Amino acid sequence: MDFTGKQGRIVEDPVEANEIALAEGYMWKRRHKISRRPVNPKLGENHVDIGVHTMQPWFHTNLSRDQASTLVTRYGDGDGVFLVRPSRTSEGTFVLTYRCQGKLVHQPIVPMTDRERNITIFTLDNGQTKFYDILQLVEFYTVNVGPLMCRLTHYIQEHSNIRNPSLPSPSNAPEYVSVAVNTDITFHSPENGNLQESSSPSGSSKTTSIRSQSPRCSPN
């Protein structure tokens, strides 16, 4: 959805949608003033254990690469099935594991320092698109493809306390399910509480980008 004018419009051209998404993000960054605590110089020490992402159903705190691959393959059906997990090889980094066109992709989500604001931001495209937290990043890529192979459409959610999805036991077969994401994304402003919603029509093949007056993600 493009909100450059007084009224919004659906953007059907993928190239135009991508350009709008990047331009909108830059405008968001310039408009949005935030007040957050300074960055911890040692990003890896605390970033796995804190943050709104830890409470999300698509976040899995203790999965290996192979276990994540097993879950997305076993319980996912179609393109865009995903989960997010902490990296076991790069401290402080997260991994977006998703499936598209029959392929498994393990996309690093890297924390970076925004020196202008002295905060930590997250990116999966080397800082071209930046987000204030991982929840915003995931929400953004449910309606924008960006550098991914496809939009995120369904997440893998845990339904039991069993922590070893690699074991092919009948007793833990129903422990995970694939859940469709909600594409009615609402961005909240920490300053004034203003809300703006943008949605992607169900079943639509159109490429959609979103804009808000003061959202929490900030492409550059």
Protein backbone atom coordinates (compact mmCIF):
# COMPACT_ATOMS: atom_id res chain seq x y z
CA MET A 1 0.00 0.00 0.00
CA ASP A 2 1.36 3.38 -1.02
CA PHE A 3 0.33 6.36 1.14
CA THR A 4 2.34 9.06 -0.64
CA GLY A 5 -0.87 10.89 -1.52
CA LYS A 6 -3.96 11.68 0.51
CA GLN A 7 -5.40 8.26 -0.26
CA GLY A 8 -3.68 4.88 -0.27
CA ARG A 9 -3.36 2.65 -3.31
CA ILE A 10 -2.35 -0.95 -3.96
CA VAL A 11 1.02 -1.23 -5.70
CA GLU A 12 0.99 -4.06 -8.23
CA ASP A 13 4.40 -3.61 -9.86
CA PRO A 14 7.02 -5.48 -7.76
CA VAL A 15 9.80 -3.07 -8.74
CA GLU A 16 7.73 -0.04 -7.78
CA ALA A 17 6.65 -1.71 -4.53
CA ASN A 18 10.26 -2.38 -3.56
CA GLU A 19 11.27 1.20 -4.33
CA ILE A 20 8.37 2.52 -2.26
CA ALA A 21 9.22 0.24 0.65
CA LEU A 22 12.80 1.51 0.73
CA ALA A 23 11.78 5.15 0.32
CA GLU A 24 9.09 4.86 2.97
CA GLY A 25 11.48 3.32 5.39
CA TYR A 26 13.91 6.18 4.98
CA MET A 27 11.10 8.66 5.64
CA TRP A 28 10.06 6.68 8.71
CA LYS A 29 13.61 6.87 10.00
CA ARG A 30 13.78 10.63 9.53
CA ARG A 31 10.37 11.32 11.08
CA HIS A 32 10.51 8.93 13.97
CA LYS A 33 12.29 10.19 17.08
CA ILE A 34 12.87 7.58 19.74
CA SER A 35 14.13 7.40 23.28
CA ARG A 36 15.75 4.12 24.21
CA ARG A 37 18.49 2.96 26.47
CA PRO A 38 22.06 3.04 25.12
CA VAL A 39 23.46 0.08 23.30
CA ASN A 40 25.20 -2.56 25.32
CA PRO A 41 28.72 -2.63 23.80
CA LYS A 42 28.72 -6.40 24.17
CA LEU A 43 25.73 -7.18 21.99
CA GLY A 44 26.04 -10.92 22.31
CA GLU A 45 25.70 -11.16 26.07
CA ASN A 46 22.06 -10.18 26.50
CA HIS A 47 20.38 -9.95 23.12
CA VAL A 48 19.12 -13.52 23.02
CA ASP A 49 17.35 -13.30 26.36
CA ILE A 50 15.67 -9.89 26.08
CA GLY A 51 13.28 -8.32 23.63
CA VAL A 52 9.68 -8.60 22.55
CA HIS A 53 10.60 -11.36 20.08
CA THR A 54 11.15 -13.85 22.90
CA MET A 55 7.39 -13.89 23.56
CA GLN A 56 6.39 -14.51 19.94
CA PRO A 57 5.11 -17.95 18.86
CA TRP A 58 7.51 -18.04 15.89
CA PHE A 59 10.58 -17.62 18.12
CA HIS A 60 12.33 -20.81 19.27
CA THR A 61 15.01 -20.35 21.89
CA ASN A 62 16.89 -23.63 21.62
CA LEU A 63 17.00 -25.03 18.11
CA SER A 64 20.00 -26.10 16.07
CA ARG A 65 20.21 -25.48 12.34
CA ASP A 66 19.29 -29.10 11.63
CA GLN A 67 16.34 -29.03 14.04
CA ALA A 68 15.03 -25.82 12.47
CA SER A 69 15.32 -27.39 9.02
CA THR A 70 13.42 -30.44 10.25
CA LEU A 71 10.58 -28.37 11.67
CA VAL A 72 10.12 -26.15 8.63
CA THR A 73 10.25 -29.16 6.31
CA ARG A 74 8.02 -31.45 8.38
CA TYR A 75 5.35 -29.00 9.47
CA GLY A 76 5.50 -26.42 6.71
CA ASP A 77 3.53 -26.65 3.49
CA GLY A 78 4.18 -24.17 0.71
CA ASP A 79 6.29 -21.04 0.43
CA GLY A 80 6.97 -18.64 3.28
CA VAL A 81 6.89 -21.06 6.23
CA PHE A 82 9.38 -19.78 8.82
CA LEU A 83 10.70 -19.59 12.34
CA VAL A 84 13.30 -17.45 14.11
CA ARG A 85 16.02 -18.77 16.40
CA PRO A 86 19.26 -17.61 18.02
CA SER A 87 22.40 -18.46 16.09
CA ARG A 88 24.61 -21.09 17.68
CA THR A 89 27.70 -20.05 15.72
CA SER A 90 27.56 -16.25 15.93
CA GLU A 91 26.87 -14.83 19.37
CA GLY A 92 24.17 -12.16 19.45
CA THR A 93 22.95 -13.00 15.95
CA PHE A 94 19.58 -14.55 15.09
CA VAL A 95 18.55 -16.69 12.15
CA LEU A 96 15.38 -16.55 10.06
CA THR A 97 14.83 -20.08 8.77
CA TYR A 98 12.24 -20.25 6.00
CA ARG A 99 11.18 -22.34 3.04
CA CYS A 100 10.59 -21.10 -0.49
CA GLN A 101 10.38 -22.88 -3.84
CA GLY A 102 11.34 -26.14 -2.19
CA LYS A 103 14.53 -24.67 -0.72
CA LEU A 104 15.48 -24.05 2.90
CA VAL A 105 17.07 -20.69 3.65
CA HIS A 106 18.86 -19.76 6.87
CA GLN A 107 19.03 -15.94 6.75
CA PRO A 108 21.12 -14.26 9.49
CA ILE A 109 19.50 -11.39 11.39
CA VAL A 110 22.40 -9.25 12.53
CA PRO A 111 22.39 -6.66 15.34
CA MET A 112 24.09 -3.40 14.43
CA THR A 113 24.77 -0.15 16.25
CA ASP A 114 22.89 2.92 15.10
CA ARG A 115 25.51 5.46 16.12
CA GLU A 116 23.21 8.42 15.50
CA ARG A 117 20.79 7.25 18.20
CA ASN A 118 23.14 5.00 20.17
CA ILE A 119 20.77 2.03 19.97
CA THR A 120 20.87 -1.49 18.61
CA ILE A 121 19.01 -2.17 15.36
CA PHE A 122 18.53 -5.41 13.43
CA THR A 123 19.00 -6.12 9.73
CA LEU A 124 19.16 -9.04 7.34
CA ASP A 125 20.45 -7.10 4.31
CA ASN A 126 23.68 -5.56 5.64
CA GLY A 127 21.97 -2.48 7.01
CA GLN A 128 20.02 -1.42 3.93
CA THR A 129 16.80 -2.02 5.87
CA LYS A 130 16.95 -1.54 9.64
CA PHE A 131 14.52 -2.41 12.42
CA TYR A 132 14.32 -1.46 16.08
CA ASP A 133 13.46 -5.04 17.08
CA ILE A 134 13.00 -8.46 15.52
CA LEU A 135 9.21 -8.36 15.82
CA GLN A 136 9.13 -5.35 13.49
CA LEU A 137 11.46 -7.12 11.09
CA VAL A 138 9.23 -10.19 10.90
CA GLU A 139 6.06 -8.10 10.52
CA PHE A 140 7.65 -6.12 7.70
CA TYR A 141 8.59 -9.21 5.71
CA THR A 142 5.10 -10.67 5.98
CA VAL A 143 4.00 -7.95 3.54
CA ASN A 144 7.26 -7.13 1.76
CA VAL A 145 9.61 -9.53 -0.01
CA GLY A 146 12.70 -7.31 0.13
CA PRO A 147 15.88 -9.43 -0.13
CA LEU A 148 14.01 -12.65 0.73
CA MET A 149 12.93 -15.21 -1.84
CA CYS A 150 9.28 -14.80 -0.80
CA ARG A 151 7.07 -13.21 1.84
CA LEU A 152 6.72 -14.86 5.23
CA THR A 153 3.29 -16.48 5.30
CA HIS A 154 3.17 -19.16 8.04
CA TYR A 155 5.16 -19.65 11.21
CA ILE A 156 6.02 -22.83 13.07
CA GLN A 157 4.59 -22.74 16.60
CA GLU A 158 5.47 -25.09 19.43
CA HIS A 159 2.56 -26.86 21.11
CA SER A 160 4.30 -28.82 23.84
CA ASN A 161 7.28 -28.73 26.16
CA ILE A 162 9.19 -31.36 24.21
CA ARG A 163 12.40 -29.72 23.00
CA ASN A 164 13.76 -32.31 20.57
CA PRO A 165 11.87 -32.06 17.26
CA SER A 166 14.46 -34.23 15.48
CA LEU A 167 13.16 -37.41 17.15
CA PRO A 168 10.57 -39.07 14.85
CA SER A 169 8.43 -40.31 17.72
CA PRO A 170 4.61 -40.50 17.29
CA SER A 171 4.22 -38.94 20.73
CA ASN A 172 5.76 -35.65 19.63
CA ALA A 173 4.22 -35.55 16.15
CA PRO A 174 1.57 -32.93 17.11
CA GLU A 175 3.93 -30.77 19.13
CA TYR A 176 4.36 -28.18 16.36
CA VAL A 177 1.89 -26.62 13.94
CA SER A 178 2.06 -24.21 11.04
CA VAL A 179 0.03 -21.04 11.64
CA ALA A 180 -0.85 -18.39 9.06
CA VAL A 181 0.50 -14.93 9.84
CA ASN A 182 -1.82 -11.99 10.35
CA THR A 183 -1.16 -9.55 7.52
CA ASP A 184 -3.20 -6.79 9.18
CA ILE A 185 -0.10 -5.15 10.59
CA THR A 186 -0.46 -2.30 13.08
CA PHE A 187 2.55 -0.13 13.84
CA HIS A 188 2.64 1.61 17.21
CA SER A 189 4.30 4.91 17.94
CA PRO A 190 6.14 4.96 21.30
CA GLU A 191 5.66 8.72 21.44
CA ASN A 192 2.00 9.49 20.82
CA GLY A 193 0.25 6.15 20.48
CA ASN A 194 -0.98 6.89 16.95
CA LEU A 195 -1.89 3.81 14.96
CA GLN A 196 -2.06 3.15 11.27
CA GLU A 197 -3.01 -0.16 9.71
CA SER A 198 -2.21 -1.64 6.33
CA SER A 199 -3.39 -5.02 5.15
CA SER A 200 -2.64 -7.43 2.34
CA PRO A 201 -5.79 -8.91 0.75
CA SER A 202 -6.18 -12.61 1.47
CA GLY A 203 -5.19 -14.69 -1.49
CA SER A 204 -3.94 -11.70 -3.43
CA SER A 205 -0.94 -12.12 -5.71
CA LYS A 206 -0.17 -8.41 -5.63
CA THR A 207 3.07 -7.17 -4.17
CA THR A 208 2.25 -4.85 -1.30
CA SER A 209 4.37 -2.38 0.59
CA ILE A 210 3.27 -0.52 3.70
CA ARG A 211 3.64 2.89 5.23
CA SER A 212 2.92 4.36 8.64
CA GLN A 213 3.44 7.84 10.01
CA SER A 214 5.63 6.61 12.85
CA PRO A 215 6.34 2.89 12.75
CA ARG A 216 9.17 1.09 14.45
CA CYS A 217 11.16 -0.14 11.45
CA SER A 218 13.49 2.09 9.51
CA PRO A 219 14.96 1.07 6.15
CA ASN A 220 17.81 3.25 5.00
